[in-house]
Amino acid sequence: FHRQCIRWPSGQFVYMGPNDPPELTQAAAAEARSLAAYREDPYSRSPAFRAKRDARNPFRRTASYPLSCPDVSELFAFEGPGLYAGSLPWMP
């Protein structure tokens, strides 16, 4: 789903996931909940996603991607609704 959100070409993508967890049924249910949340908010801009990110970042560090990759800075700033439709370097 994340590949689709950034419109990365499917022919140039191979998913290599981790080994199956011991509790596969439980993990599959958790993944289904996560996917449902991302389908509602593809770029994770909601307060719930923000709180999750803030909890993982106690020192409030920020990624420099919008500055170091100006060709995709609009994608990083996009908050929806819908999927980003602007120009991307990997699109024809």
PDB file of N, CA and C in Angstrom:
ATOM      1  N   PHE A   1       0.822  -1.194   0.000  1.00  0.00           N
ATOM      2  CA  PHE A   1       0.000   0.000   0.000  1.00  0.00           C
ATOM      3  C   PHE A   1       0.868   1.260   0.000  1.00  0.00           C
ATOM      4  N   HIS A   2       1.958   1.251   0.748  1.00  0.00           N
ATOM      5  CA  HIS A   2       2.841   2.417   0.758  1.00  0.00           C
ATOM      6  C   HIS A   2       3.419   2.661  -0.633  1.00  0.00           C
ATOM      7  N   ARG A   3       3.742   1.595  -1.356  1.00  0.00           N
ATOM      8  CA  ARG A   3       4.253   1.739  -2.718  1.00  0.00           C
ATOM      9  C   ARG A   3       3.243   2.481  -3.575  1.00  0.00           C
ATOM     10  N   GLN A   4       1.982   2.139  -3.438  1.00  0.00           N
ATOM     11  CA  GLN A   4       0.934   2.788  -4.224  1.00  0.00           C
ATOM     12  C   GLN A   4       0.809   4.267  -3.853  1.00  0.00           C
ATOM     13  N   CYS A   5       0.970   4.594  -2.573  1.00  0.00           N
ATOM     14  CA  CYS A   5       0.822   5.980  -2.117  1.00  0.00           C
ATOM     15  C   CYS A   5       1.869   6.913  -2.706  1.00  0.00           C
ATOM     16  N   ILE A   6       3.050   6.373  -2.981  1.00  0.00           N
ATOM     17  CA  ILE A   6       4.080   7.217  -3.603  1.00  0.00           C
ATOM     18  C   ILE A   6       4.182   6.955  -5.102  1.00  0.00           C
ATOM     19  N   ARG A   7       3.264   6.141  -5.599  1.00  0.00           N
ATOM     20  CA  ARG A   7       3.164   5.820  -7.017  1.00  0.00           C
ATOM     21  C   ARG A   7       4.465   5.249  -7.574  1.00  0.00           C
ATOM     22  N   TRP A   8       5.110   4.414  -6.782  1.00  0.00           N
ATOM     23  CA  TRP A   8       6.319   3.730  -7.241  1.00  0.00           C
ATOM     24  C   TRP A   8       5.896   2.638  -8.209  1.00  0.00           C
ATOM     25  N   PRO A   9       6.519   2.497  -9.366  1.00  0.00           N
ATOM     26  CA  PRO A   9       6.116   1.498 -10.358  1.00  0.00           C
ATOM     27  C   PRO A   9       6.188   0.068  -9.795  1.00  0.00           C
ATOM     28  N   SER A  10       5.109  -0.685  -9.960  1.00  0.00           N
ATOM     29  CA  SER A  10       5.058  -2.045  -9.409  1.00  0.00           C
ATOM     30  C   SER A  10       6.117  -2.955 -10.021  1.00  0.00           C
ATOM     31  N   GLY A  11       6.492  -2.708 -11.264  1.00  0.00           N
ATOM     32  CA  GLY A  11       7.508  -3.532 -11.914  1.00  0.00           C
ATOM     33  C   GLY A  11       8.905  -3.321 -11.356  1.00  0.00           C
ATOM     34  N   GLN A  12       9.089  -2.277 -10.567  1.00  0.00           N
ATOM     35  CA  GLN A  12      10.394  -1.982  -9.972  1.00  0.00           C
ATOM     36  C   GLN A  12      10.378  -2.215  -8.463  1.00  0.00           C
ATOM     37  N   PHE A  13       9.437  -3.030  -8.002  1.00  0.00           N
ATOM     38  CA  PHE A  13       9.271  -3.225  -6.566  1.00  0.00           C
ATOM     39  C   PHE A  13       9.171  -4.705  -6.233  1.00  0.00           C
ATOM     40  N   VAL A  14       9.898  -5.117  -5.230  1.00  0.00           N
ATOM     41  CA  VAL A  14       9.811  -6.471  -4.711  1.00  0.00           C
ATOM     42  C   VAL A  14       9.722  -6.362  -3.201  1.00  0.00           C
ATOM     43  N   TYR A  15       8.668  -6.902  -2.617  1.00  0.00           N
ATOM     44  CA  TYR A  15       8.522  -6.874  -1.161  1.00  0.00           C
ATOM     45  C   TYR A  15       9.265  -8.057  -0.564  1.00  0.00           C
ATOM     46  N   MET A  16      10.131  -7.773   0.378  1.00  0.00           N
ATOM     47  CA  MET A  16      10.871  -8.826   1.076  1.00  0.00           C
ATOM     48  C   MET A  16      10.574  -8.653   2.558  1.00  0.00           C
ATOM     49  N   GLY A  17       9.589  -9.385   3.053  1.00  0.00           N
ATOM     50  CA  GLY A  17       9.177  -9.250   4.440  1.00  0.00           C
ATOM     51  C   GLY A  17       9.987 -10.112   5.376  1.00  0.00           C
ATOM     52  N   PRO A  18       9.795  -9.885   6.662  1.00  0.00           N
ATOM     53  CA  PRO A  18      10.491 -10.703   7.656  1.00  0.00           C
ATOM     54  C   PRO A  18       9.899 -12.109   7.713  1.00  0.00           C
ATOM     55  N   ASN A  19      10.550 -12.963   8.440  1.00  0.00           N
ATOM     56  CA  ASN A  19      10.028 -14.312   8.626  1.00  0.00           C
ATOM     57  C   ASN A  19       8.663 -14.245   9.310  1.00  0.00           C
ATOM     58  N   ASP A  20       7.855 -15.272   9.115  1.00  0.00           N
ATOM     59  CA  ASP A  20       6.554 -15.304   9.764  1.00  0.00           C
ATOM     60  C   ASP A  20       6.718 -15.323  11.279  1.00  0.00           C
ATOM     61  N   PRO A  21       5.956 -14.485  11.983  1.00  0.00           N
ATOM     62  CA  PRO A  21       6.047 -14.479  13.448  1.00  0.00           C
ATOM     63  C   PRO A  21       5.434 -15.753  14.025  1.00  0.00           C
ATOM     64  N   PRO A  22       5.792 -16.087  15.270  1.00  0.00           N
ATOM     65  CA  PRO A  22       5.254 -17.305  15.888  1.00  0.00           C
ATOM     66  C   PRO A  22       3.725 -17.290  15.979  1.00  0.00           C
ATOM     67  N   GLU A  23       3.150 -16.129  16.253  1.00  0.00           N
ATOM     68  CA  GLU A  23       1.691 -15.995  16.350  1.00  0.00           C
ATOM     69  C   GLU A  23       1.173 -15.365  15.062  1.00  0.00           C
ATOM     70  N   LEU A  24       1.181 -16.121  13.992  1.00  0.00           N
ATOM     71  CA  LEU A  24       0.837 -15.607  12.676  1.00  0.00           C
ATOM     72  C   LEU A  24      -0.585 -15.048  12.616  1.00  0.00           C
ATOM     73  N   THR A  25      -1.544 -15.702  13.233  1.00  0.00           N
ATOM     74  CA  THR A  25      -2.932 -15.229  13.201  1.00  0.00           C
ATOM     75  C   THR A  25      -3.049 -13.867  13.877  1.00  0.00           C
ATOM     76  N   GLN A  26      -2.402 -13.734  15.026  1.00  0.00           N
ATOM     77  CA  GLN A  26      -2.428 -12.464  15.750  1.00  0.00           C
ATOM     78  C   GLN A  26      -1.741 -11.370  14.936  1.00  0.00           C
ATOM     79  N   ALA A  27      -0.612 -11.681  14.331  1.00  0.00           N
ATOM     80  CA  ALA A  27       0.112 -10.709  13.525  1.00  0.00           C
ATOM     81  C   ALA A  27      -0.699 -10.290  12.303  1.00  0.00           C
ATOM     82  N   ALA A  28      -1.378 -11.233  11.670  1.00  0.00           N
ATOM     83  CA  ALA A  28      -2.203 -10.924  10.500  1.00  0.00           C
ATOM     84  C   ALA A  28      -3.350  -9.993  10.884  1.00  0.00           C
ATOM     85  N   ALA A  29      -3.939 -10.211  12.038  1.00  0.00           N
ATOM     86  CA  ALA A  29      -5.023  -9.337  12.501  1.00  0.00           C
ATOM     87  C   ALA A  29      -4.503  -7.923  12.757  1.00  0.00           C
ATOM     88  N   ALA A  30      -3.323  -7.821  13.362  1.00  0.00           N
ATOM     89  CA  ALA A  30      -2.729  -6.507  13.616  1.00  0.00           C
ATOM     90  C   ALA A  30      -2.403  -5.802  12.297  1.00  0.00           C
ATOM     91  N   GLU A  31      -1.887  -6.537  11.329  1.00  0.00           N
ATOM     92  CA  GLU A  31      -1.588  -5.950  10.018  1.00  0.00           C
ATOM     93  C   GLU A  31      -2.854  -5.465   9.325  1.00  0.00           C
ATOM     94  N   ALA A  32      -3.933  -6.209   9.466  1.00  0.00           N
ATOM     95  CA  ALA A  32      -5.207  -5.805   8.860  1.00  0.00           C
ATOM     96  C   ALA A  32      -5.697  -4.495   9.476  1.00  0.00           C
ATOM     97  N   ARG A  33      -5.551  -4.345  10.792  1.00  0.00           N
ATOM     98  CA  ARG A  33      -5.943  -3.089  11.454  1.00  0.00           C
ATOM     99  C   ARG A  33      -5.071  -1.935  10.978  1.00  0.00           C
ATOM    100  N   SER A  34      -3.775  -2.195  10.858  1.00  0.00           N
ATOM    101  CA  SER A  34      -2.862  -1.146  10.387  1.00  0.00           C
ATOM    102  C   SER A  34      -3.196  -0.726   8.967  1.00  0.00           C
ATOM    103  N   LEU A  35      -3.441  -1.692   8.103  1.00  0.00           N
ATOM    104  CA  LEU A  35      -3.776  -1.380   6.715  1.00  0.00           C
ATOM    105  C   LEU A  35      -5.063  -0.572   6.636  1.00  0.00           C
ATOM    106  N   ALA A  36      -6.056  -0.914   7.446  1.00  0.00           N
ATOM    107  CA  ALA A  36      -7.323  -0.165   7.459  1.00  0.00           C
ATOM    108  C   ALA A  36      -7.070   1.288   7.855  1.00  0.00           C
ATOM    109  N   ALA A  37      -6.204   1.511   8.844  1.00  0.00           N
ATOM    110  CA  ALA A  37      -5.900   2.873   9.276  1.00  0.00           C
ATOM    111  C   ALA A  37      -5.190   3.648   8.168  1.00  0.00           C
ATOM    112  N   TYR A  38      -4.263   3.004   7.466  1.00  0.00           N
ATOM    113  CA  TYR A  38      -3.565   3.679   6.366  1.00  0.00           C
ATOM    114  C   TYR A  38      -4.476   3.918   5.165  1.00  0.00           C
ATOM    115  N   ARG A  39      -5.431   3.051   4.937  1.00  0.00           N
ATOM    116  CA  ARG A  39      -6.375   3.284   3.827  1.00  0.00           C
ATOM    117  C   ARG A  39      -7.211   4.530   4.102  1.00  0.00           C
ATOM    118  N   GLU A  40      -7.540   4.773   5.374  1.00  0.00           N
ATOM    119  CA  GLU A  40      -8.283   5.983   5.746  1.00  0.00           C
ATOM    120  C   GLU A  40      -7.402   7.221   5.682  1.00  0.00           C
ATOM    121  N   ASP A  41      -6.138   7.070   6.009  1.00  0.00           N
ATOM    122  CA  ASP A  41      -5.206   8.196   6.108  1.00  0.00           C
ATOM    123  C   ASP A  41      -3.870   7.779   5.487  1.00  0.00           C
ATOM    124  N   PRO A  42      -3.784   7.744   4.149  1.00  0.00           N
ATOM    125  CA  PRO A  42      -2.610   7.194   3.469  1.00  0.00           C
ATOM    126  C   PRO A  42      -1.268   7.825   3.847  1.00  0.00           C
ATOM    127  N   TYR A  43      -1.281   9.095   4.227  1.00  0.00           N
ATOM    128  CA  TYR A  43      -0.028   9.773   4.540  1.00  0.00           C
ATOM    129  C   TYR A  43       0.134   9.996   6.041  1.00  0.00           C
ATOM    130  N   SER A  44      -0.634   9.276   6.825  1.00  0.00           N
ATOM    131  CA  SER A  44      -0.559   9.241   8.298  1.00  0.00           C
ATOM    132  C   SER A  44      -0.469  10.632   8.929  1.00  0.00           C
ATOM    133  N   ARG A  45      -1.416  11.487   8.590  1.00  0.00           N
ATOM    134  CA  ARG A  45      -1.431  12.859   9.108  1.00  0.00           C
ATOM    135  C   ARG A  45      -2.390  13.040  10.285  1.00  0.00           C
ATOM    136  N   SER A  46      -3.141  12.012  10.641  1.00  0.00           N
ATOM    137  CA  SER A  46      -4.129  12.129  11.711  1.00  0.00           C
ATOM    138  C   SER A  46      -3.457  12.281  13.075  1.00  0.00           C
ATOM    139  N   PRO A  47      -4.191  12.782  14.070  1.00  0.00           N
ATOM    140  CA  PRO A  47      -3.636  12.893  15.423  1.00  0.00           C
ATOM    141  C   PRO A  47      -3.155  11.547  15.980  1.00  0.00           C
ATOM    142  N   ALA A  48      -3.834  10.463  15.651  1.00  0.00           N
ATOM    143  CA  ALA A  48      -3.425   9.149  16.159  1.00  0.00           C
ATOM    144  C   ALA A  48      -2.053   8.763  15.609  1.00  0.00           C
ATOM    145  N   PHE A  49      -1.840   8.947  14.322  1.00  0.00           N
ATOM    146  CA  PHE A  49      -0.533   8.651  13.735  1.00  0.00           C
ATOM    147  C   PHE A  49       0.539   9.604  14.277  1.00  0.00           C
ATOM    148  N   ARG A  50       0.181  10.884  14.418  1.00  0.00           N
ATOM    149  CA  ARG A  50       1.139  11.865  14.933  1.00  0.00           C
ATOM    150  C   ARG A  50       1.585  11.480  16.344  1.00  0.00           C
ATOM    151  N   ALA A  51       0.639  11.066  17.200  1.00  0.00           N
ATOM    152  CA  ALA A  51       0.969  10.663  18.570  1.00  0.00           C
ATOM    153  C   ALA A  51       1.908   9.460  18.565  1.00  0.00           C
ATOM    154  N   LYS A  52       1.665   8.533  17.657  1.00  0.00           N
ATOM    155  CA  LYS A  52       2.525   7.353  17.555  1.00  0.00           C
ATOM    156  C   LYS A  52       3.946   7.757  17.163  1.00  0.00           C
ATOM    157  N   ARG A  53       4.058   8.658  16.177  1.00  0.00           N
ATOM    158  CA  ARG A  53       5.384   9.134  15.761  1.00  0.00           C
ATOM    159  C   ARG A  53       6.072   9.899  16.885  1.00  0.00           C
ATOM    160  N   ASP A  54       5.315  10.772  17.570  1.00  0.00           N
ATOM    161  CA  ASP A  54       5.903  11.554  18.658  1.00  0.00           C
ATOM    162  C   ASP A  54       6.421  10.652  19.772  1.00  0.00           C
ATOM    163  N   ALA A  55       5.691   9.573  20.070  1.00  0.00           N
ATOM    164  CA  ALA A  55       6.120   8.647  21.118  1.00  0.00           C
ATOM    165  C   ALA A  55       7.424   7.943  20.739  1.00  0.00           C
ATOM    166  N   ARG A  56       7.650   7.756  19.451  1.00  0.00           N
ATOM    167  CA  ARG A  56       8.875   7.097  18.979  1.00  0.00           C
ATOM    168  C   ARG A  56      10.033   8.068  18.817  1.00  0.00           C
ATOM    169  N   ASN A  57       9.788   9.350  19.033  1.00  0.00           N
ATOM    170  CA  ASN A  57      10.790  10.373  18.772  1.00  0.00           C
ATOM    171  C   ASN A  57      10.893  11.326  19.974  1.00  0.00           C
ATOM    172  N   PRO A  58      11.387  10.846  21.122  1.00  0.00           N
ATOM    173  CA  PRO A  58      11.397  11.690  22.322  1.00  0.00           C
ATOM    174  C   PRO A  58      12.297  12.917  22.210  1.00  0.00           C
ATOM    175  N   PHE A  59      13.272  12.913  21.326  1.00  0.00           N
ATOM    176  CA  PHE A  59      14.175  14.050  21.191  1.00  0.00           C
ATOM    177  C   PHE A  59      13.737  15.014  20.080  1.00  0.00           C
ATOM    178  N   ARG A  60      12.575  14.744  19.495  1.00  0.00           N
ATOM    179  CA  ARG A  60      11.975  15.619  18.468  1.00  0.00           C
ATOM    180  C   ARG A  60      12.911  15.880  17.297  1.00  0.00           C
ATOM    181  N   ARG A  61      13.604  14.835  16.852  1.00  0.00           N
ATOM    182  CA  ARG A  61      14.474  14.954  15.687  1.00  0.00           C
ATOM    183  C   ARG A  61      13.618  14.881  14.439  1.00  0.00           C
ATOM    184  N   THR A  62      14.030  15.548  13.399  1.00  0.00           N
ATOM    185  CA  THR A  62      13.284  15.522  12.145  1.00  0.00           C
ATOM    186  C   THR A  62      14.169  14.998  11.026  1.00  0.00           C
ATOM    187  N   ALA A  63      13.528  14.365  10.081  1.00  0.00           N
ATOM    188  CA  ALA A  63      14.249  13.869   8.906  1.00  0.00           C
ATOM    189  C   ALA A  63      14.541  15.041   7.981  1.00  0.00           C
ATOM    190  N   SER A  64      15.659  14.987   7.309  1.00  0.00           N
ATOM    191  CA  SER A  64      16.039  16.072   6.407  1.00  0.00           C
ATOM    192  C   SER A  64      15.593  15.822   4.970  1.00  0.00           C
ATOM    193  N   TYR A  65      14.795  14.783   4.752  1.00  0.00           N
ATOM    194  CA  TYR A  65      14.399  14.438   3.383  1.00  0.00           C
ATOM    195  C   TYR A  65      13.793  15.603   2.604  1.00  0.00           C
ATOM    196  N   PRO A  66      12.859  16.371   3.184  1.00  0.00           N
ATOM    197  CA  PRO A  66      12.303  17.474   2.382  1.00  0.00           C
ATOM    198  C   PRO A  66      13.355  18.480   1.923  1.00  0.00           C
ATOM    199  N   LEU A  67      14.416  18.642   2.698  1.00  0.00           N
ATOM    200  CA  LEU A  67      15.483  19.568   2.298  1.00  0.00           C
ATOM    201  C   LEU A  67      16.495  18.912   1.375  1.00  0.00           C
ATOM    202  N   SER A  68      16.847  17.672   1.659  1.00  0.00           N
ATOM    203  CA  SER A  68      17.881  17.011   0.870  1.00  0.00           C
ATOM    204  C   SER A  68      17.353  16.403  -0.421  1.00  0.00           C
ATOM    205  N   CYS A  69      16.047  16.245  -0.548  1.00  0.00           N
ATOM    206  CA  CYS A  69      15.432  15.686  -1.754  1.00  0.00           C
ATOM    207  C   CYS A  69      14.351  16.637  -2.256  1.00  0.00           C
ATOM    208  N   PRO A  70      14.729  17.799  -2.769  1.00  0.00           N
ATOM    209  CA  PRO A  70      13.730  18.789  -3.174  1.00  0.00           C
ATOM    210  C   PRO A  70      12.761  18.288  -4.245  1.00  0.00           C
ATOM    211  N   ASP A  71      13.163  17.286  -5.023  1.00  0.00           N
ATOM    212  CA  ASP A  71      12.267  16.765  -6.065  1.00  0.00           C
ATOM    213  C   ASP A  71      11.028  16.092  -5.495  1.00  0.00           C
ATOM    214  N   VAL A  72      11.081  15.693  -4.223  1.00  0.00           N
ATOM    215  CA  VAL A  72       9.921  15.041  -3.611  1.00  0.00           C
ATOM    216  C   VAL A  72       9.404  15.813  -2.399  1.00  0.00           C
ATOM    217  N   SER A  73       9.847  17.050  -2.212  1.00  0.00           N
ATOM    218  CA  SER A  73       9.427  17.820  -1.041  1.00  0.00           C
ATOM    219  C   SER A  73       7.911  18.040  -1.016  1.00  0.00           C
ATOM    220  N   GLU A  74       7.292  18.199  -2.181  1.00  0.00           N
ATOM    221  CA  GLU A  74       5.833  18.368  -2.212  1.00  0.00           C
ATOM    222  C   GLU A  74       5.122  17.106  -1.747  1.00  0.00           C
ATOM    223  N   LEU A  75       5.662  15.947  -2.079  1.00  0.00           N
ATOM    224  CA  LEU A  75       5.083  14.691  -1.610  1.00  0.00           C
ATOM    225  C   LEU A  75       5.160  14.614  -0.089  1.00  0.00           C
ATOM    226  N   PHE A  76       6.300  14.997   0.498  1.00  0.00           N
ATOM    227  CA  PHE A  76       6.441  14.971   1.955  1.00  0.00           C
ATOM    228  C   PHE A  76       5.473  15.928   2.634  1.00  0.00           C
ATOM    229  N   ALA A  77       5.130  17.028   1.983  1.00  0.00           N
ATOM    230  CA  ALA A  77       4.227  18.012   2.571  1.00  0.00           C
ATOM    231  C   ALA A  77       2.758  17.677   2.336  1.00  0.00           C
ATOM    232  N   PHE A  78       2.470  16.795   1.414  1.00  0.00           N
ATOM    233  CA  PHE A  78       1.089  16.482   1.042  1.00  0.00           C
ATOM    234  C   PHE A  78       0.354  15.813   2.195  1.00  0.00           C
ATOM    235  N   GLU A  79      -0.861  16.278   2.462  1.00  0.00           N
ATOM    236  CA  GLU A  79      -1.663  15.724   3.548  1.00  0.00           C
ATOM    237  C   GLU A  79      -3.003  15.170   3.081  1.00  0.00           C
ATOM    238  N   GLY A  80      -3.228  15.105   1.784  1.00  0.00           N
ATOM    239  CA  GLY A  80      -4.491  14.578   1.293  1.00  0.00           C
ATOM    240  C   GLY A  80      -5.502  15.685   1.157  1.00  0.00           C
ATOM    241  N   PRO A  81      -6.709  15.373   0.899  1.00  0.00           N
ATOM    242  CA  PRO A  81      -7.257  14.008   0.816  1.00  0.00           C
ATOM    243  C   PRO A  81      -6.846  13.313  -0.478  1.00  0.00           C
ATOM    244  N   GLY A  82      -7.040  12.029  -0.496  1.00  0.00           N
ATOM    245  CA  GLY A  82      -6.690  11.243  -1.665  1.00  0.00           C
ATOM    246  C   GLY A  82      -5.197  11.020  -1.758  1.00  0.00           C
ATOM    247  N   LEU A  83      -4.777  10.485  -2.895  1.00  0.00           N
ATOM    248  CA  LEU A  83      -3.363  10.209  -3.124  1.00  0.00           C
ATOM    249  C   LEU A  83      -2.706  11.373  -3.849  1.00  0.00           C
ATOM    250  N   TYR A  84      -1.434  11.565  -3.593  1.00  0.00           N
ATOM    251  CA  TYR A  84      -0.668  12.630  -4.219  1.00  0.00           C
ATOM    252  C   TYR A  84      -0.679  12.443  -5.733  1.00  0.00           C
ATOM    253  N   ALA A  85      -0.988  13.516  -6.446  1.00  0.00           N
ATOM    254  CA  ALA A  85      -1.089  13.414  -7.902  1.00  0.00           C
ATOM    255  C   ALA A  85      -0.035  14.263  -8.607  1.00  0.00           C
ATOM    256  N   GLY A  86       0.865  14.888  -7.860  1.00  0.00           N
ATOM    257  CA  GLY A  86       1.882  15.726  -8.473  1.00  0.00           C
ATOM    258  C   GLY A  86       2.971  14.945  -9.172  1.00  0.00           C
ATOM    259  N   SER A  87       3.919  15.667  -9.700  1.00  0.00           N
ATOM    260  CA  SER A  87       5.028  15.063 -10.436  1.00  0.00           C
ATOM    261  C   SER A  87       6.009  14.405  -9.462  1.00  0.00           C
ATOM    262  N   LEU A  88       6.521  13.237  -9.861  1.00  0.00           N
ATOM    263  CA  LEU A  88       7.515  12.515  -9.069  1.00  0.00           C
ATOM    264  C   LEU A  88       8.642  12.077  -9.994  1.00  0.00           C
ATOM    265  N   PRO A  89       9.882  12.101  -9.516  1.00  0.00           N
ATOM    266  CA  PRO A  89      11.032  11.800 -10.380  1.00  0.00           C
ATOM    267  C   PRO A  89      11.001  10.423 -11.015  1.00  0.00           C
ATOM    268  N   TRP A  90      10.361   9.453 -10.395  1.00  0.00           N
ATOM    269  CA  TRP A  90      10.361   8.090 -10.931  1.00  0.00           C
ATOM    270  C   TRP A  90       9.185   7.811 -11.849  1.00  0.00           C
ATOM    271  N   MET A  91       8.349   8.816 -12.073  1.00  0.00           N
ATOM    272  CA  MET A  91       7.213   8.635 -12.974  1.00  0.00           C
ATOM    273  C   MET A  91       7.591   9.102 -14.382  1.00  0.00           C
ATOM    274  N   PRO A  92       7.046   8.406 -15.394  1.00  0.00           N
ATOM    275  CA  PRO A  92       7.373   8.810 -16.784  1.00  0.00           C
ATOM    276  C   PRO A  92       6.808  10.167 -17.132  1.00  0.00           C
TER     277      PRO A  92
END
